[in-house]
Amino acid sequence: MKHRQVPLPSPLLRRGLHLEYATLAWNIVGVWVLAWAALSARSVALGGFGLDSLIEIGASSVVIWELASSGPGRENRALRLIGAAFVLLAAYLLVQSTVVLVAGHHARHSPPGIAWTAVTAAVMFSLAWGKARTGKALGNPVLQTEGRVTFVDGILATAVLAGLVLNAAVGWWWADPVAGYVLVFYAAREARAIFSP
């Protein structure tokens, strides 16, 4: 009796999955590192970045689910879930940045936070570039869209890094929440693009 062979995923599909698994692993570690750094420094910015890592974990999980078995209905659901992640990120950053500015919250210096966000920015920009190229080659809008989530993660890492460095170097405690407003605009624009007909 012959066994039916299951077709192996294409090299491009495997690359897309590897990029998503790498993103997932990085952010799972990041949630723990950021939680520790945020509590040590009493940093709202690092805590917010930890939440962004949780959103990125969700987005990567959605894309892995979608790549496992593609189809129009599945693709649309995946895009809507990623769009919802952008909405949550924009809402959180808007509220958090405003609260930090109004309260005048001053976080302590965080060398571990500075080191982690610097490395994370480089990793996320590299992963976002790989997802954009792979998604385009596959003709997969879900992978391309999640690549933009990863790009936002890189921008957020850079903004948090700038805020931490400016706070440590010159005492500009307000630099990070102000940079958060730029990300609110970017995330809201991406969500609108996904949900617009």
C-alpha atoms as a PDB file:
ATOM      1  CA  MET A   1       0.000   0.000   0.000  1.00  0.00           C
ATOM      2  CA  LYS A   2       1.436   3.337  -1.096  1.00  0.00           C
ATOM      3  CA  HIS A   3       1.589   6.218   1.339  1.00  0.00           C
ATOM      4  CA  ARG A   4       0.576   9.605  -0.009  1.00  0.00           C
ATOM      5  CA  GLN A   5       3.477  12.018   0.167  1.00  0.00           C
ATOM      6  CA  VAL A   6       2.796  15.325   1.898  1.00  0.00           C
ATOM      7  CA  PRO A   7       4.273  18.148  -0.187  1.00  0.00           C
ATOM      8  CA  LEU A   8       7.105  19.952   1.508  1.00  0.00           C
ATOM      9  CA  PRO A   9       6.787  23.718   1.948  1.00  0.00           C
ATOM     10  CA  SER A  10       8.663  25.822  -0.590  1.00  0.00           C
ATOM     11  CA  PRO A  11      12.020  27.371   0.409  1.00  0.00           C
ATOM     12  CA  LEU A  12      10.329  30.789   0.509  1.00  0.00           C
ATOM     13  CA  LEU A  13       7.596  29.525   2.813  1.00  0.00           C
ATOM     14  CA  ARG A  14      10.185  27.901   5.070  1.00  0.00           C
ATOM     15  CA  ARG A  15      12.112  31.181   5.166  1.00  0.00           C
ATOM     16  CA  GLY A  16       8.926  33.038   6.141  1.00  0.00           C
ATOM     17  CA  LEU A  17       8.261  30.559   8.944  1.00  0.00           C
ATOM     18  CA  HIS A  18      11.872  30.782  10.181  1.00  0.00           C
ATOM     19  CA  LEU A  19      11.604  34.593  10.299  1.00  0.00           C
ATOM     20  CA  GLU A  20       8.399  34.343  12.326  1.00  0.00           C
ATOM     21  CA  TYR A  21       9.837  31.745  14.731  1.00  0.00           C
ATOM     22  CA  ALA A  22      12.909  33.958  15.236  1.00  0.00           C
ATOM     23  CA  THR A  23      10.666  36.952  15.975  1.00  0.00           C
ATOM     24  CA  LEU A  24       8.565  34.873  18.352  1.00  0.00           C
ATOM     25  CA  ALA A  25      11.608  33.551  20.259  1.00  0.00           C
ATOM     26  CA  TRP A  26      13.217  37.004  20.528  1.00  0.00           C
ATOM     27  CA  ASN A  27      10.056  38.590  21.892  1.00  0.00           C
ATOM     28  CA  ILE A  28       9.367  35.799  24.383  1.00  0.00           C
ATOM     29  CA  VAL A  29      12.836  36.394  25.871  1.00  0.00           C
ATOM     30  CA  GLY A  30      12.266  40.158  25.557  1.00  0.00           C
ATOM     31  CA  VAL A  31       9.100  40.147  27.651  1.00  0.00           C
ATOM     32  CA  TRP A  32      11.049  38.740  30.613  1.00  0.00           C
ATOM     33  CA  VAL A  33      14.097  40.983  30.121  1.00  0.00           C
ATOM     34  CA  LEU A  34      11.910  44.088  29.765  1.00  0.00           C
ATOM     35  CA  ALA A  35       9.753  43.207  32.779  1.00  0.00           C
ATOM     36  CA  TRP A  36      12.876  42.935  34.925  1.00  0.00           C
ATOM     37  CA  ALA A  37      14.439  46.131  33.517  1.00  0.00           C
ATOM     38  CA  ALA A  38      11.157  48.078  33.825  1.00  0.00           C
ATOM     39  CA  LEU A  39      10.653  47.076  37.461  1.00  0.00           C
ATOM     40  CA  SER A  40      14.298  47.824  38.342  1.00  0.00           C
ATOM     41  CA  ALA A  41      14.221  51.303  36.787  1.00  0.00           C
ATOM     42  CA  ARG A  42      10.506  51.978  37.414  1.00  0.00           C
ATOM     43  CA  SER A  43      10.391  52.807  33.723  1.00  0.00           C
ATOM     44  CA  VAL A  44       7.014  53.216  32.067  1.00  0.00           C
ATOM     45  CA  ALA A  45       8.720  53.237  28.658  1.00  0.00           C
ATOM     46  CA  LEU A  46      10.323  49.838  29.192  1.00  0.00           C
ATOM     47  CA  GLY A  47       7.024  48.472  30.510  1.00  0.00           C
ATOM     48  CA  GLY A  48       5.268  49.776  27.392  1.00  0.00           C
ATOM     49  CA  PHE A  49       7.902  48.194  25.199  1.00  0.00           C
ATOM     50  CA  GLY A  50       7.265  44.895  26.985  1.00  0.00           C
ATOM     51  CA  LEU A  51       3.587  45.206  26.023  1.00  0.00           C
ATOM     52  CA  ASP A  52       4.632  45.840  22.437  1.00  0.00           C
ATOM     53  CA  SER A  53       6.637  42.601  22.600  1.00  0.00           C
ATOM     54  CA  LEU A  54       3.482  40.771  23.713  1.00  0.00           C
ATOM     55  CA  ILE A  55       1.614  42.221  20.707  1.00  0.00           C
ATOM     56  CA  GLU A  56       4.440  41.113  18.428  1.00  0.00           C
ATOM     57  CA  ILE A  57       4.216  37.592  19.915  1.00  0.00           C
ATOM     58  CA  GLY A  58       0.516  37.561  19.034  1.00  0.00           C
ATOM     59  CA  ALA A  59       1.133  38.872  15.511  1.00  0.00           C
ATOM     60  CA  SER A  60       3.863  36.294  14.842  1.00  0.00           C
ATOM     61  CA  SER A  61       1.586  33.512  16.095  1.00  0.00           C
ATOM     62  CA  VAL A  62      -1.154  34.709  13.719  1.00  0.00           C
ATOM     63  CA  VAL A  63       1.220  34.639  10.740  1.00  0.00           C
ATOM     64  CA  ILE A  64       2.555  31.170  11.607  1.00  0.00           C
ATOM     65  CA  TRP A  65      -1.082  30.000  11.776  1.00  0.00           C
ATOM     66  CA  GLU A  66      -1.861  31.638   8.406  1.00  0.00           C
ATOM     67  CA  LEU A  67       1.246  30.290   6.656  1.00  0.00           C
ATOM     68  CA  ALA A  68       0.393  26.748   7.798  1.00  0.00           C
ATOM     69  CA  SER A  69      -2.647  26.663   5.525  1.00  0.00           C
ATOM     70  CA  SER A  70      -3.347  29.618   3.312  1.00  0.00           C
ATOM     71  CA  GLY A  71      -6.753  30.547   1.956  1.00  0.00           C
ATOM     72  CA  PRO A  72      -8.761  33.722   1.304  1.00  0.00           C
ATOM     73  CA  GLY A  73     -10.882  33.455   4.475  1.00  0.00           C
ATOM     74  CA  ARG A  74      -7.900  32.561   6.629  1.00  0.00           C
ATOM     75  CA  GLU A  75      -5.839  35.384   5.104  1.00  0.00           C
ATOM     76  CA  ASN A  76      -8.559  37.975   5.797  1.00  0.00           C
ATOM     77  CA  ARG A  77      -8.919  36.832   9.424  1.00  0.00           C
ATOM     78  CA  ALA A  78      -5.146  36.998   9.889  1.00  0.00           C
ATOM     79  CA  LEU A  79      -5.003  40.531   8.475  1.00  0.00           C
ATOM     80  CA  ARG A  80      -7.843  41.657  10.761  1.00  0.00           C
ATOM     81  CA  LEU A  81      -6.054  40.211  13.805  1.00  0.00           C
ATOM     82  CA  ILE A  82      -2.844  42.049  12.869  1.00  0.00           C
ATOM     83  CA  GLY A  83      -4.868  45.236  12.331  1.00  0.00           C
ATOM     84  CA  ALA A  84      -6.352  44.803  15.808  1.00  0.00           C
ATOM     85  CA  ALA A  85      -2.805  44.504  17.211  1.00  0.00           C
ATOM     86  CA  PHE A  86      -1.953  47.867  15.609  1.00  0.00           C
ATOM     87  CA  VAL A  87      -5.082  49.445  17.147  1.00  0.00           C
ATOM     88  CA  LEU A  88      -4.168  48.105  20.604  1.00  0.00           C
ATOM     89  CA  LEU A  89      -0.595  49.357  20.249  1.00  0.00           C
ATOM     90  CA  ALA A  90      -1.729  52.849  19.151  1.00  0.00           C
ATOM     91  CA  ALA A  91      -4.288  53.087  21.982  1.00  0.00           C
ATOM     92  CA  TYR A  92      -1.811  51.938  24.614  1.00  0.00           C
ATOM     93  CA  LEU A  93       0.932  54.318  23.471  1.00  0.00           C
ATOM     94  CA  LEU A  94      -1.472  57.270  23.297  1.00  0.00           C
ATOM     95  CA  VAL A  95      -2.714  56.728  26.858  1.00  0.00           C
ATOM     96  CA  GLN A  96       0.686  55.798  28.281  1.00  0.00           C
ATOM     97  CA  SER A  97       2.572  58.717  26.710  1.00  0.00           C
ATOM     98  CA  THR A  98      -0.068  61.173  27.908  1.00  0.00           C
ATOM     99  CA  VAL A  99      -0.106  59.785  31.460  1.00  0.00           C
ATOM    100  CA  VAL A 100       3.703  59.909  31.689  1.00  0.00           C
ATOM    101  CA  LEU A 101       3.831  63.513  30.418  1.00  0.00           C
ATOM    102  CA  VAL A 102       1.016  64.756  32.657  1.00  0.00           C
ATOM    103  CA  ALA A 103       2.369  62.988  35.750  1.00  0.00           C
ATOM    104  CA  GLY A 104       5.941  64.094  35.047  1.00  0.00           C
ATOM    105  CA  HIS A 105       7.153  60.578  35.839  1.00  0.00           C
ATOM    106  CA  HIS A 106      10.966  60.339  36.061  1.00  0.00           C
ATOM    107  CA  ALA A 107      12.350  56.841  35.543  1.00  0.00           C
ATOM    108  CA  ARG A 108      15.719  55.741  36.917  1.00  0.00           C
ATOM    109  CA  HIS A 109      18.633  55.121  34.566  1.00  0.00           C
ATOM    110  CA  SER A 110      18.616  51.632  33.020  1.00  0.00           C
ATOM    111  CA  PRO A 111      21.861  50.377  31.411  1.00  0.00           C
ATOM    112  CA  PRO A 112      20.294  46.913  30.824  1.00  0.00           C
ATOM    113  CA  GLY A 113      17.277  48.592  29.189  1.00  0.00           C
ATOM    114  CA  ILE A 114      19.571  50.643  26.954  1.00  0.00           C
ATOM    115  CA  ALA A 115      21.543  47.543  25.911  1.00  0.00           C
ATOM    116  CA  TRP A 116      18.434  45.430  25.225  1.00  0.00           C
ATOM    117  CA  THR A 117      16.589  48.092  23.205  1.00  0.00           C
ATOM    118  CA  ALA A 118      19.710  48.840  21.125  1.00  0.00           C
ATOM    119  CA  VAL A 119      20.155  45.186  20.142  1.00  0.00           C
ATOM    120  CA  THR A 120      16.397  44.716  19.679  1.00  0.00           C
ATOM    121  CA  ALA A 121      16.196  47.658  17.253  1.00  0.00           C
ATOM    122  CA  ALA A 122      18.878  46.078  15.030  1.00  0.00           C
ATOM    123  CA  VAL A 123      17.259  42.614  15.205  1.00  0.00           C
ATOM    124  CA  MET A 124      13.728  43.892  14.469  1.00  0.00           C
ATOM    125  CA  PHE A 125      14.792  46.017  11.486  1.00  0.00           C
ATOM    126  CA  SER A 126      16.638  43.002  10.029  1.00  0.00           C
ATOM    127  CA  LEU A 127      13.638  40.700  10.549  1.00  0.00           C
ATOM    128  CA  ALA A 128      11.239  43.298   9.100  1.00  0.00           C
ATOM    129  CA  TRP A 129      13.395  43.590   5.968  1.00  0.00           C
ATOM    130  CA  GLY A 130      13.462  39.792   5.573  1.00  0.00           C
ATOM    131  CA  LYS A 131       9.672  39.510   6.037  1.00  0.00           C
ATOM    132  CA  ALA A 132       8.977  42.292   3.518  1.00  0.00           C
ATOM    133  CA  ARG A 133      11.157  40.606   0.871  1.00  0.00           C
ATOM    134  CA  THR A 134       9.873  37.097   1.567  1.00  0.00           C
ATOM    135  CA  GLY A 135       6.236  38.202   1.771  1.00  0.00           C
ATOM    136  CA  LYS A 136       6.525  40.034  -1.545  1.00  0.00           C
ATOM    137  CA  ALA A 137       8.183  37.034  -3.226  1.00  0.00           C
ATOM    138  CA  LEU A 138       5.451  34.731  -1.865  1.00  0.00           C
ATOM    139  CA  GLY A 139       2.695  37.195  -2.758  1.00  0.00           C
ATOM    140  CA  ASN A 140       1.582  36.911   0.884  1.00  0.00           C
ATOM    141  CA  PRO A 141       0.037  40.146   2.264  1.00  0.00           C
ATOM    142  CA  VAL A 142      -0.181  38.702   5.784  1.00  0.00           C
ATOM    143  CA  LEU A 143       3.590  38.186   6.036  1.00  0.00           C
ATOM    144  CA  GLN A 144       4.194  41.629   4.520  1.00  0.00           C
ATOM    145  CA  THR A 145       1.764  43.260   6.968  1.00  0.00           C
ATOM    146  CA  GLU A 146       3.310  41.502   9.958  1.00  0.00           C
ATOM    147  CA  GLY A 147       6.679  42.675   8.654  1.00  0.00           C
ATOM    148  CA  ARG A 148       5.365  46.212   9.187  1.00  0.00           C
ATOM    149  CA  VAL A 149       4.430  45.265  12.775  1.00  0.00           C
ATOM    150  CA  THR A 150       8.042  44.139  13.230  1.00  0.00           C
ATOM    151  CA  PHE A 151       9.246  47.404  11.661  1.00  0.00           C
ATOM    152  CA  VAL A 152       7.093  49.351  14.171  1.00  0.00           C
ATOM    153  CA  ASP A 153       8.695  47.245  16.899  1.00  0.00           C
ATOM    154  CA  GLY A 154      12.111  48.382  15.631  1.00  0.00           C
ATOM    155  CA  ILE A 155      10.987  52.029  15.593  1.00  0.00           C
ATOM    156  CA  LEU A 156       9.589  51.680  19.095  1.00  0.00           C
ATOM    157  CA  ALA A 157      12.866  50.113  20.299  1.00  0.00           C
ATOM    158  CA  THR A 158      14.730  53.087  18.798  1.00  0.00           C
ATOM    159  CA  ALA A 159      12.348  55.590  20.424  1.00  0.00           C
ATOM    160  CA  VAL A 160      12.609  53.890  23.820  1.00  0.00           C
ATOM    161  CA  LEU A 161      16.401  53.731  23.422  1.00  0.00           C
ATOM    162  CA  ALA A 162      16.544  57.463  22.608  1.00  0.00           C
ATOM    163  CA  GLY A 163      14.380  58.256  25.625  1.00  0.00           C
ATOM    164  CA  LEU A 164      16.500  56.116  27.953  1.00  0.00           C
ATOM    165  CA  VAL A 165      19.763  57.602  26.655  1.00  0.00           C
ATOM    166  CA  LEU A 166      18.486  61.210  26.834  1.00  0.00           C
ATOM    167  CA  ASN A 167      17.157  60.599  30.344  1.00  0.00           C
ATOM    168  CA  ALA A 168      20.490  59.102  31.466  1.00  0.00           C
ATOM    169  CA  ALA A 169      22.721  61.628  29.671  1.00  0.00           C
ATOM    170  CA  VAL A 170      20.917  64.961  30.074  1.00  0.00           C
ATOM    171  CA  GLY A 171      17.876  64.294  32.247  1.00  0.00           C
ATOM    172  CA  TRP A 172      15.280  64.731  29.462  1.00  0.00           C
ATOM    173  CA  TRP A 173      12.664  62.462  31.067  1.00  0.00           C
ATOM    174  CA  TRP A 174       9.968  63.628  28.610  1.00  0.00           C
ATOM    175  CA  ALA A 175      11.828  62.519  25.418  1.00  0.00           C
ATOM    176  CA  ASP A 176      10.472  58.972  25.445  1.00  0.00           C
ATOM    177  CA  PRO A 177       6.741  59.740  25.860  1.00  0.00           C
ATOM    178  CA  VAL A 178       6.990  62.417  23.153  1.00  0.00           C
ATOM    179  CA  ALA A 179       8.544  59.863  20.771  1.00  0.00           C
ATOM    180  CA  GLY A 180       5.618  57.571  21.614  1.00  0.00           C
ATOM    181  CA  TYR A 181       3.239  59.954  19.834  1.00  0.00           C
ATOM    182  CA  VAL A 182       5.087  59.383  16.542  1.00  0.00           C
ATOM    183  CA  LEU A 183       4.454  55.665  16.931  1.00  0.00           C
ATOM    184  CA  VAL A 184       0.778  56.285  17.668  1.00  0.00           C
ATOM    185  CA  PHE A 185       0.469  57.965  14.272  1.00  0.00           C
ATOM    186  CA  TYR A 186       2.336  55.168  12.464  1.00  0.00           C
ATOM    187  CA  ALA A 187       0.373  52.340  14.123  1.00  0.00           C
ATOM    188  CA  ALA A 188      -2.965  54.104  13.512  1.00  0.00           C
ATOM    189  CA  ARG A 189      -2.078  54.577   9.826  1.00  0.00           C
ATOM    190  CA  GLU A 190      -1.225  50.893   9.430  1.00  0.00           C
ATOM    191  CA  ALA A 191      -4.467  49.832  11.149  1.00  0.00           C
ATOM    192  CA  ARG A 192      -6.470  52.136   8.888  1.00  0.00           C
ATOM    193  CA  ALA A 193      -4.789  50.693   5.786  1.00  0.00           C
ATOM    194  CA  ILE A 194      -5.731  47.153   6.889  1.00  0.00           C
ATOM    195  CA  PHE A 195      -9.354  47.909   7.775  1.00  0.00           C
ATOM    196  CA  SER A 196     -10.093  50.291   4.854  1.00  0.00           C
ATOM    197  CA  PRO A 197     -12.037  48.636   2.006  1.00  0.00           C
END
